[in-house]
């Protein structure tokens, strides 16, 4: 059975690069009918943030990526790590190193002066003498002294690193706390991980973890190292480019399914297909098809995808989502009707809320350029006369209103713009909005009259 995982640290919020890694792991597990596990790597007790932890869990809940079993917290597993450290000490595969910080700094300075790569020189590897007084030792693992450390990466192919590149690295600090590469290897083994999909910034952690696996006699999982997400200029993604907390995307009005669709296409493809349902992602995903090269974040593509998901969402679903964006009304039927009328124009839920409120609410301000263009000559008299016609006919549905509009401009022998432009400014405060006939049928003739009167009052005040 395939078992994958995502293992964030609660020292910061979950950003989209992390979410993409989690998505790939989740999709592969679901594709294979296996398990997707969540582990919180919270051994850095000083930097851990409860707020960040809650945001990570909230993000998973928002995008709908479920995980199997209980969340594993590394901070609750220190006793387990200590047992493994002692096991390696007892078997002579790890040792206590009494090198002081000053000695280590001196060694590094000497190596750098010679043009050598700074590394621990193994001076306590086979030490049998009297330990220095007053020095709390760290624990180092015995790395291989010759040969190569190699593994087959599921994306990058064969990785082969000279053993000399990996020194006897620390697996427990002087205060007894275990280090990252040590606990990751133990947890991945004990959680039954078969496949580890992660960012290629972890690529050079893998040889160290393989040293731990071999020392403890564990079978390592299959590794897949995913290339980073760059901005459109090919540089590291920053907050300005979109490397935001995942929940910021919710606040900005993105649908979770659109965000996941966007992320799955950053480094993975299925022909030229752009839009995938979650079920399609699960059915088609294979980590072997992840691209080796870095992918490029494209905000326009995300906005386009989001607009497609908004268009295909039911008006009822959108009505519920818009409650978080200031669209409130007891008349849900009216709002869902408006949503159906304007959702083609929206790229985000924020946009959609603005479009809906533009129909439902009387303008709070007017576009001066639109006023100068639309309110020339007798424009106000024209729309005043038109609404009087509406009142006399009592037209209620969009079709009848449209017929009256055509009859009105024909009888007046004016172009449609002479009626439509000032009427738009009255209804929306700008030259914008959906079909006038449909809007008037929704808000009613009385509200249409009120908005025309409000525009007339505004015009009097500013002249």
Protein backbone atom coordinates (compact mmCIF):
# COMPACT_ATOMS: atom_id res chain seq x y z
CA UNK A 1 0.00 0.00 0.00
CA UNK A 2 1.24 3.47 -0.91
CA UNK A 3 1.65 5.76 2.11
CA UNK A 4 2.61 9.42 1.62
CA UNK A 5 2.81 12.38 3.96
CA UNK A 6 3.06 16.10 4.34
CA UNK A 7 5.17 17.40 7.21
CA UNK A 8 5.03 21.18 7.76
CA UNK A 9 6.68 23.08 10.60
CA UNK A 10 4.35 25.34 12.62
CA UNK A 11 6.85 28.16 12.62
CA UNK A 12 5.02 29.97 9.82
CA UNK A 13 1.88 29.78 7.76
CA UNK A 14 1.29 27.24 5.01
CA UNK A 15 2.18 28.87 1.68
CA UNK A 16 1.22 27.68 -1.78
CA UNK A 17 4.55 25.94 -2.43
CA UNK A 18 3.90 23.76 0.60
CA UNK A 19 0.29 23.23 -0.42
CA UNK A 20 1.40 22.04 -3.87
CA UNK A 21 3.75 19.48 -2.29
CA UNK A 22 0.93 18.33 -0.02
CA UNK A 23 -1.42 18.14 -3.00
CA UNK A 24 0.95 15.95 -5.00
CA UNK A 25 1.37 13.62 -2.00
CA UNK A 26 -2.37 13.55 -1.34
CA UNK A 27 -3.25 12.86 -4.99
CA UNK A 28 -0.78 10.00 -5.27
CA UNK A 29 -2.09 8.34 -2.11
CA UNK A 30 -5.70 8.71 -3.25
CA UNK A 31 -4.82 7.57 -6.78
CA UNK A 32 -3.34 4.35 -5.38
CA UNK A 33 -6.02 3.81 -2.74
CA UNK A 34 -3.37 4.30 -0.07
CA UNK A 35 -2.94 6.61 2.90
CA UNK A 36 -2.00 10.26 3.21
CA UNK A 37 -0.59 11.19 6.62
CA UNK A 38 -0.05 14.58 8.25
CA UNK A 39 2.91 15.16 10.55
CA UNK A 40 3.69 18.39 12.37
CA UNK A 41 7.43 18.92 12.70
CA UNK A 42 7.38 20.97 15.89
CA UNK A 43 10.67 20.07 17.54
CA UNK A 44 11.75 23.74 17.46
CA UNK A 45 9.86 24.55 20.65
CA UNK A 46 11.03 28.18 20.77
CA UNK A 47 9.79 29.05 17.27
CA UNK A 48 6.56 27.04 17.22
CA UNK A 49 3.37 29.06 16.85
CA UNK A 50 -0.06 27.79 17.87
CA UNK A 51 -1.56 30.31 15.48
CA UNK A 52 0.51 28.95 12.60
CA UNK A 53 -0.46 25.38 13.50
CA UNK A 54 -4.15 26.26 13.49
CA UNK A 55 -3.73 28.05 10.15
CA UNK A 56 -2.13 24.93 8.62
CA UNK A 57 -5.00 22.72 9.79
CA UNK A 58 -7.53 25.34 8.67
CA UNK A 59 -5.94 25.43 5.20
CA UNK A 60 -6.24 21.66 4.84
CA UNK A 61 -9.86 21.85 5.87
CA UNK A 62 -10.59 24.70 3.44
CA UNK A 63 -9.15 22.96 0.38
CA UNK A 64 -10.76 19.65 1.35
CA UNK A 65 -7.59 17.56 1.55
CA UNK A 66 -8.33 14.94 4.16
CA UNK A 67 -5.63 12.94 5.89
CA UNK A 68 -5.65 9.45 7.37
CA UNK A 69 -5.17 8.63 11.03
CA UNK A 70 -4.23 11.06 13.75
CA UNK A 71 -1.93 14.00 13.21
CA UNK A 72 1.59 13.03 14.34
CA UNK A 73 3.40 15.65 16.44
CA UNK A 74 7.16 15.26 16.67
CA UNK A 75 7.21 17.17 19.97
CA UNK A 76 5.39 14.22 21.56
CA UNK A 77 7.96 11.69 20.33
CA UNK A 78 11.17 12.77 22.07
CA UNK A 79 11.36 9.58 24.13
CA UNK A 80 11.20 7.51 20.95
CA UNK A 81 14.05 9.49 19.41
CA UNK A 82 16.16 9.08 22.56
CA UNK A 83 15.82 5.29 22.35
CA UNK A 84 17.07 5.28 18.78
CA UNK A 85 19.99 7.56 19.68
CA UNK A 86 20.97 5.25 22.49
CA UNK A 87 20.67 2.25 20.17
CA UNK A 88 23.16 3.82 17.75
CA UNK A 89 25.53 4.70 20.62
CA UNK A 90 25.33 1.16 21.97
CA UNK A 91 26.08 -0.31 18.53
CA UNK A 92 29.02 2.03 17.91
CA UNK A 93 27.25 3.70 14.99
CA UNK A 94 27.13 7.07 16.74
CA UNK A 95 29.39 8.76 19.26
CA UNK A 96 29.69 11.68 21.63
CA UNK A 97 31.58 14.67 20.26
CA UNK A 98 33.07 17.11 22.78
CA UNK A 99 34.21 19.70 20.29
CA UNK A 100 33.47 23.21 21.54
CA UNK A 101 31.98 25.97 19.43
CA UNK A 102 35.32 27.78 19.50
CA UNK A 103 37.13 24.70 18.21
CA UNK A 104 34.54 24.24 15.48
CA UNK A 105 34.85 27.89 14.42
CA UNK A 106 38.63 27.57 14.35
CA UNK A 107 38.39 24.42 12.21
CA UNK A 108 36.06 26.08 9.73
CA UNK A 109 38.27 29.16 9.45
CA UNK A 110 41.29 26.97 8.76
CA UNK A 111 39.45 24.96 6.10
CA UNK A 112 38.13 28.07 4.38
CA UNK A 113 41.63 29.59 4.35
CA UNK A 114 42.81 26.50 2.47
CA UNK A 115 39.89 26.73 0.04
CA UNK A 116 38.33 23.60 1.48
CA UNK A 117 34.65 23.01 2.11
CA UNK A 118 33.96 23.43 5.85
CA UNK A 119 33.15 20.09 7.44
CA UNK A 120 33.63 18.26 10.71
CA UNK A 121 36.94 16.42 10.72
CA UNK A 122 35.85 13.38 12.74
CA UNK A 123 38.27 14.01 15.60
CA UNK A 124 36.03 12.32 18.18
CA UNK A 125 34.85 9.49 15.90
CA UNK A 126 36.99 6.87 17.64
CA UNK A 127 37.77 8.78 20.82
CA UNK A 128 38.45 6.62 23.87
CA UNK A 129 40.15 9.17 26.12
CA UNK A 130 38.99 11.15 29.10
CA UNK A 131 36.13 13.53 28.14
CA UNK A 132 36.94 17.24 28.50
CA UNK A 133 35.61 18.76 31.70
CA UNK A 134 32.58 21.03 31.48
CA UNK A 135 31.68 20.24 27.83
CA UNK A 136 28.23 18.85 27.12
CA UNK A 137 28.70 16.63 24.07
CA UNK A 138 26.60 16.46 20.93
CA UNK A 139 25.87 13.08 19.36
CA UNK A 140 27.18 12.49 15.84
CA UNK A 141 26.35 9.58 13.56
CA UNK A 142 29.12 7.73 11.76
CA UNK A 143 28.76 8.52 8.07
CA UNK A 144 30.53 6.33 5.47
CA UNK A 145 34.15 7.36 4.87
CA UNK A 146 34.40 6.25 1.24
CA UNK A 147 32.31 5.22 -1.73
CA UNK A 148 29.04 6.86 -2.71
CA UNK A 149 25.61 7.51 -1.30
CA UNK A 150 23.13 6.98 -4.11
CA UNK A 151 19.41 6.63 -4.70
CA UNK A 152 16.94 6.71 -7.54
CA UNK A 153 14.83 9.85 -7.42
CA UNK A 154 11.38 9.45 -8.96
CA UNK A 155 11.69 12.79 -10.77
CA UNK A 156 15.38 13.56 -11.16
CA UNK A 157 16.62 10.04 -11.83
CA UNK A 158 19.82 8.61 -10.34
CA UNK A 159 21.42 10.74 -7.62
CA UNK A 160 24.98 9.82 -6.68
CA UNK A 161 26.97 11.74 -4.07
CA UNK A 162 30.47 10.99 -2.86
CA UNK A 163 30.49 9.87 0.77
CA UNK A 164 33.10 12.52 1.44
CA UNK A 165 30.36 15.15 0.91
CA UNK A 166 28.58 13.98 4.07
CA UNK A 167 30.42 14.34 7.37
CA UNK A 168 29.54 12.83 10.73
CA UNK A 169 26.56 15.11 11.23
CA UNK A 170 24.90 15.83 14.55
CA UNK A 171 21.82 13.76 15.41
CA UNK A 172 21.34 15.16 18.94
CA UNK A 173 22.33 18.57 20.27
CA UNK A 174 24.14 19.09 23.56
CA UNK A 175 20.80 19.61 25.35
CA UNK A 176 19.60 16.24 24.07
CA UNK A 177 17.14 17.50 21.44
CA UNK A 178 17.32 15.51 18.21
CA UNK A 179 18.02 17.12 14.84
CA UNK A 180 15.87 17.37 11.73
CA UNK A 181 17.40 14.73 9.47
CA UNK A 182 17.47 12.19 12.26
CA UNK A 183 13.86 12.52 13.39
CA UNK A 184 12.53 12.73 9.82
CA UNK A 185 14.06 9.39 8.92
CA UNK A 186 12.69 7.74 12.07
CA UNK A 187 9.20 9.19 11.65
CA UNK A 188 8.97 8.31 7.97
CA UNK A 189 9.92 4.73 8.84
CA UNK A 190 7.61 4.38 11.82
CA UNK A 191 4.69 5.92 9.92
CA UNK A 192 5.16 3.33 7.17
CA UNK A 193 6.03 5.84 4.45
CA UNK A 194 6.53 4.23 1.05
CA UNK A 195 6.86 7.45 -0.97
CA UNK A 196 8.11 10.88 0.03
CA UNK A 197 7.25 13.76 -2.31
CA UNK A 198 8.85 17.04 -1.28
CA UNK A 199 10.53 20.16 -2.61
CA UNK A 200 13.99 19.83 -4.11
CA UNK A 201 15.33 22.15 -1.42
CA UNK A 202 15.39 18.89 0.57
CA UNK A 203 17.44 17.04 -2.04
CA UNK A 204 20.70 17.29 -0.11
CA UNK A 205 19.02 16.28 3.14
CA UNK A 206 18.27 12.91 1.56
CA UNK A 207 21.84 11.50 1.73
CA UNK A 208 21.97 12.29 5.45
CA UNK A 209 18.63 10.60 5.98
CA UNK A 210 19.84 7.59 4.03
CA UNK A 211 22.81 7.37 6.43
CA UNK A 212 20.29 7.19 9.31
CA UNK A 213 18.19 4.58 7.50
CA UNK A 214 21.22 2.38 6.90
CA UNK A 215 22.53 2.72 10.44
CA UNK A 216 19.19 1.65 11.88
CA UNK A 217 18.57 -1.06 9.30
CA UNK A 218 15.47 0.63 7.90
CA UNK A 219 14.27 0.32 4.31
CA UNK A 220 14.08 3.86 2.87
CA UNK A 221 11.02 5.11 0.98
CA UNK A 222 10.97 6.18 -2.66
CA UNK A 223 11.91 9.86 -2.95
CA UNK A 224 10.53 12.43 -5.38
CA UNK A 225 12.06 15.91 -5.26
CA UNK A 226 9.86 18.53 -6.91
CA UNK A 227 11.41 21.63 -8.52
CA UNK A 228 10.52 24.98 -6.98
CA UNK A 229 7.87 27.44 -8.12
CA UNK A 230 9.43 30.57 -9.61
CA UNK A 231 7.90 33.92 -10.43
CA UNK A 232 7.31 34.93 -14.04
CA UNK A 233 10.85 36.31 -14.24
CA UNK A 234 12.30 32.92 -13.27
CA UNK A 235 13.33 34.00 -9.78
CA UNK A 236 12.34 32.68 -6.37
CA UNK A 237 8.67 33.29 -5.61
CA UNK A 238 8.10 36.10 -3.11
CA UNK A 239 5.03 37.34 -1.26
CA UNK A 240 4.62 40.02 -3.90
CA UNK A 241 4.43 37.30 -6.57
CA UNK A 242 1.96 35.09 -4.73
CA UNK A 243 3.88 33.16 -2.05
CA UNK A 244 1.16 33.97 0.43
CA UNK A 245 -0.43 32.17 3.34
CA UNK A 246 -2.94 29.78 1.75
CA UNK A 247 -5.80 31.34 3.72
CA UNK A 248 -5.02 34.71 2.10
CA UNK A 249 -6.26 33.18 -1.14
CA UNK A 250 -9.57 32.49 0.54
CA UNK A 251 -9.75 36.09 1.75
CA UNK A 252 -9.00 37.32 -1.78
CA UNK A 253 -11.95 35.38 -3.16
CA UNK A 254 -10.43 32.28 -4.73
CA UNK A 255 -12.29 28.99 -4.72
CA UNK A 256 -10.29 26.11 -3.20
CA UNK A 257 -10.91 23.85 -6.18
CA UNK A 258 -9.56 26.55 -8.51
CA UNK A 259 -6.43 26.97 -6.37
CA UNK A 260 -5.80 23.20 -6.36
CA UNK A 261 -6.34 23.03 -10.12
CA UNK A 262 -3.83 25.87 -10.53
CA UNK A 263 -1.26 24.19 -8.29
CA UNK A 264 -1.51 20.76 -9.87
CA UNK A 265 -0.59 22.32 -13.23
CA UNK A 266 2.54 23.92 -11.72
CA UNK A 267 4.91 21.13 -12.58
CA UNK A 268 2.51 18.39 -13.70
CA UNK A 269 0.44 17.95 -16.82
CA UNK A 270 -1.89 15.65 -18.69
CA UNK A 271 -1.51 16.67 -22.31
CA UNK A 272 -2.98 20.11 -22.93
CA UNK A 273 -5.77 19.76 -20.38
CA UNK A 274 -6.10 22.84 -18.19
CA UNK A 275 -9.20 22.26 -16.05
CA UNK A 276 -9.39 19.22 -13.79
CA UNK A 277 -12.01 18.19 -11.30
CA UNK A 278 -10.68 16.71 -8.08
CA UNK A 279 -11.77 13.26 -9.26
CA UNK A 280 -9.87 13.74 -12.52
CA UNK A 281 -6.75 14.82 -10.65
CA UNK A 282 -6.91 11.69 -8.50
CA UNK A 283 -7.53 9.45 -11.50
CA UNK A 284 -4.74 10.88 -13.65
CA UNK A 285 -2.00 11.87 -11.21
CA UNK A 286 1.30 10.02 -11.28
CA UNK A 287 4.44 11.55 -9.73
CA UNK A 288 6.48 10.12 -12.61
CA UNK A 289 4.90 12.83 -14.76
CA UNK A 290 6.10 15.71 -12.57
CA UNK A 291 8.39 18.01 -14.55
CA UNK A 292 12.06 18.19 -13.65
CA UNK A 293 12.30 21.91 -14.30
CA UNK A 294 10.94 24.70 -12.12
CA UNK A 295 7.42 25.92 -12.84
CA UNK A 296 6.31 29.51 -13.26
CA UNK A 297 3.62 31.18 -11.15
CA UNK A 298 1.14 32.99 -13.41
CA UNK A 299 -1.48 35.12 -11.68
CA UNK A 300 -3.45 35.60 -14.90
CA UNK A 301 -3.81 31.83 -15.23
CA UNK A 302 -5.03 31.55 -11.64
CA UNK A 303 -7.58 34.33 -12.19
CA UNK A 304 -8.77 32.67 -15.40
CA UNK A 305 -9.18 29.32 -13.68
CA UNK A 306 -10.99 30.93 -10.78
CA UNK A 307 -13.40 32.66 -13.17
CA UNK A 308 -14.12 29.31 -14.83
CA UNK A 309 -14.95 27.71 -11.49
CA UNK A 310 -17.16 30.66 -10.53
CA UNK A 311 -19.07 30.34 -13.81
CA UNK A 312 -19.60 26.62 -13.34
CA UNK A 313 -20.64 26.88 -9.66
CA UNK A 314 -24.31 26.88 -8.77
CA UNK A 315 -25.83 30.22 -7.87
CA UNK A 316 -26.91 28.73 -4.54
CA UNK A 317 -23.34 27.72 -3.67
CA UNK A 318 -22.02 31.15 -4.64
CA UNK A 319 -24.71 32.82 -2.53
CA UNK A 320 -23.41 30.99 0.55
CA UNK A 321 -19.79 31.89 -0.25
CA UNK A 322 -20.63 35.57 -0.80
CA UNK A 323 -21.83 35.94 2.77
CA UNK A 324 -18.13 36.30 3.71
CA UNK A 325 -17.77 39.14 1.22
CA UNK A 326 -20.47 41.52 2.38
CA UNK A 327 -23.43 40.27 0.37
CA UNK A 328 -26.30 40.02 2.84
CA UNK A 329 -30.03 39.87 2.13
CA UNK A 330 -33.07 38.06 3.41
CA UNK A 331 -34.22 37.65 -0.19
CA UNK A 332 -32.01 34.74 -1.27
CA UNK A 333 -34.01 34.23 -4.46
CA UNK A 334 -33.23 37.78 -5.58
CA UNK A 335 -29.52 37.38 -4.83
CA UNK A 336 -29.20 34.05 -6.62
CA UNK A 337 -30.94 35.61 -9.62
CA UNK A 338 -28.46 38.49 -9.58
CA UNK A 339 -25.55 36.07 -9.20
CA UNK A 340 -26.69 34.23 -12.31
CA UNK A 341 -26.84 37.54 -14.13
CA UNK A 342 -23.35 38.80 -13.24
CA UNK A 343 -21.11 35.80 -12.47
CA UNK A 344 -19.79 35.65 -16.04
CA UNK A 345 -18.03 38.95 -15.33
CA UNK A 346 -16.25 37.94 -12.09
CA UNK A 347 -12.72 36.60 -11.66
CA UNK A 348 -12.89 36.31 -7.86
CA UNK A 349 -15.57 36.18 -5.21
CA UNK A 350 -14.57 39.73 -4.33
CA UNK A 351 -15.36 40.75 -7.90
CA UNK A 352 -18.61 38.84 -7.77
CA UNK A 353 -19.65 40.50 -4.51
CA UNK A 354 -18.95 43.89 -6.06
CA UNK A 355 -21.00 43.04 -9.14
CA UNK A 356 -23.90 41.72 -7.05
CA UNK A 357 -23.93 44.75 -4.75
CA UNK A 358 -23.77 47.06 -7.77
CA UNK A 359 -27.14 45.64 -8.80
CA UNK A 360 -28.71 45.35 -5.36
CA UNK A 361 -27.55 48.62 -3.81
CA UNK A 362 -28.10 52.24 -4.80
CA UNK A 363 -24.82 53.84 -5.97
CA UNK A 364 -22.88 55.49 -3.15
CA UNK A 365 -20.77 57.46 -5.61
CA UNK A 366 -20.69 58.28 -9.31
CA UNK A 367 -17.93 58.04 -11.90
CA UNK A 368 -17.25 61.60 -13.00
CA UNK A 369 -16.03 60.57 -16.44
CA UNK A 370 -19.20 58.55 -16.97
CA UNK A 371 -21.34 61.50 -15.88
CA UNK A 372 -19.61 63.86 -18.31
CA UNK A 373 -20.06 61.39 -21.14
CA UNK A 374 -23.61 60.21 -20.41
CA UNK A 375 -25.39 63.24 -18.94
CA UNK A 376 -25.15 65.58 -21.89
CA UNK A 377 -28.06 67.73 -23.05
CA UNK A 378 -31.44 66.42 -21.97
CA UNK A 379 -30.18 62.98 -20.81
CA UNK A 380 -31.83 63.26 -17.38
CA UNK A 381 -35.16 64.22 -18.97
CA UNK A 382 -34.91 61.17 -21.27
CA UNK A 383 -34.45 58.64 -18.48
CA UNK A 384 -37.06 60.44 -16.35
CA UNK A 385 -39.53 60.14 -19.22
CA UNK A 386 -38.63 56.49 -19.73
CA UNK A 387 -39.24 55.50 -16.11
CA UNK A 388 -42.58 57.32 -16.26
CA UNK A 389 -43.43 55.10 -19.23
CA UNK A 390 -42.45 52.05 -17.20
CA UNK A 391 -44.67 53.15 -14.34
CA UNK A 392 -47.63 53.67 -16.65
CA UNK A 393 -47.20 50.28 -18.34
CA UNK A 394 -46.31 48.40 -15.17
CA UNK A 395 -43.83 46.26 -17.06
CA UNK A 396 -42.26 43.69 -14.74
CA UNK A 397 -40.31 41.08 -16.67
CA UNK A 398 -37.11 41.68 -18.64
CA UNK A 399 -38.68 40.87 -22.00
CA UNK A 400 -41.46 43.44 -21.62
CA UNK A 401 -39.00 46.05 -20.33
CA UNK A 402 -36.72 45.46 -23.29
CA UNK A 403 -39.66 45.86 -25.70
CA UNK A 404 -40.57 49.18 -24.05
CA UNK A 405 -36.96 50.37 -24.32
CA UNK A 406 -36.94 49.66 -28.05
CA UNK A 407 -40.30 51.36 -28.55
CA UNK A 408 -39.14 54.37 -26.52
CA UNK A 409 -35.93 55.04 -28.49
CA UNK A 410 -37.74 54.46 -31.80
CA UNK A 411 -40.51 56.89 -30.92
CA UNK A 412 -37.97 59.46 -29.70
CA UNK A 413 -35.83 58.81 -32.80
CA UNK A 414 -32.69 58.57 -30.72
CA UNK A 415 -29.88 56.04 -30.56
CA UNK A 416 -30.08 53.43 -27.83
CA UNK A 417 -27.06 54.96 -26.12
CA UNK A 418 -28.99 58.15 -25.44
CA UNK A 419 -31.17 56.10 -23.09
CA UNK A 420 -28.82 53.33 -22.06
CA UNK A 421 -25.80 55.39 -21.00
CA UNK A 422 -27.50 57.77 -18.54
CA UNK A 423 -29.66 54.91 -17.28
CA UNK A 424 -26.53 52.89 -16.47
CA UNK A 425 -25.05 55.80 -14.56
CA UNK A 426 -28.31 56.13 -12.59
CA UNK A 427 -28.50 52.43 -11.76
CA UNK A 428 -24.80 51.62 -11.21
CA UNK A 429 -22.99 54.94 -10.80
CA UNK A 430 -20.79 54.12 -13.80
CA UNK A 431 -20.88 52.84 -17.36
CA UNK A 432 -20.96 49.24 -16.24
CA UNK A 433 -23.28 46.44 -15.26
CA UNK A 434 -25.32 43.69 -16.92
CA UNK A 435 -28.42 44.07 -19.12
CA UNK A 436 -30.56 47.04 -18.10
CA UNK A 437 -33.82 45.23 -18.79
CA UNK A 438 -32.83 42.34 -16.51
CA UNK A 439 -31.60 44.64 -13.75
CA UNK A 440 -34.79 46.72 -13.76
CA UNK A 441 -36.87 43.53 -13.61
CA UNK A 442 -34.92 42.49 -10.49
CA UNK A 443 -34.78 45.75 -8.54
CA UNK A 444 -38.25 46.90 -9.64
CA UNK A 445 -39.60 50.10 -11.15
CA UNK A 446 -39.82 51.92 -7.82
CA UNK A 447 -36.14 51.35 -7.07
CA UNK A 448 -35.29 52.38 -10.63
CA UNK A 449 -37.17 55.65 -10.05
CA UNK A 450 -35.36 56.17 -6.72
CA UNK A 451 -31.95 55.76 -8.36
CA UNK A 452 -32.82 58.20 -11.13
CA UNK A 453 -33.98 60.75 -8.56
CA UNK A 454 -30.76 60.22 -6.58
CA UNK A 455 -28.72 60.93 -9.71
CA UNK A 456 -30.72 64.06 -10.40
CA UNK A 457 -30.11 65.26 -6.82
CA UNK A 458 -26.38 64.55 -7.17
CA UNK A 459 -26.21 66.44 -10.44
CA UNK A 460 -27.83 69.46 -8.83
CA UNK A 461 -25.33 69.41 -5.95
CA UNK A 462 -22.21 69.23 -8.07
CA UNK A 463 -23.21 71.78 -10.72
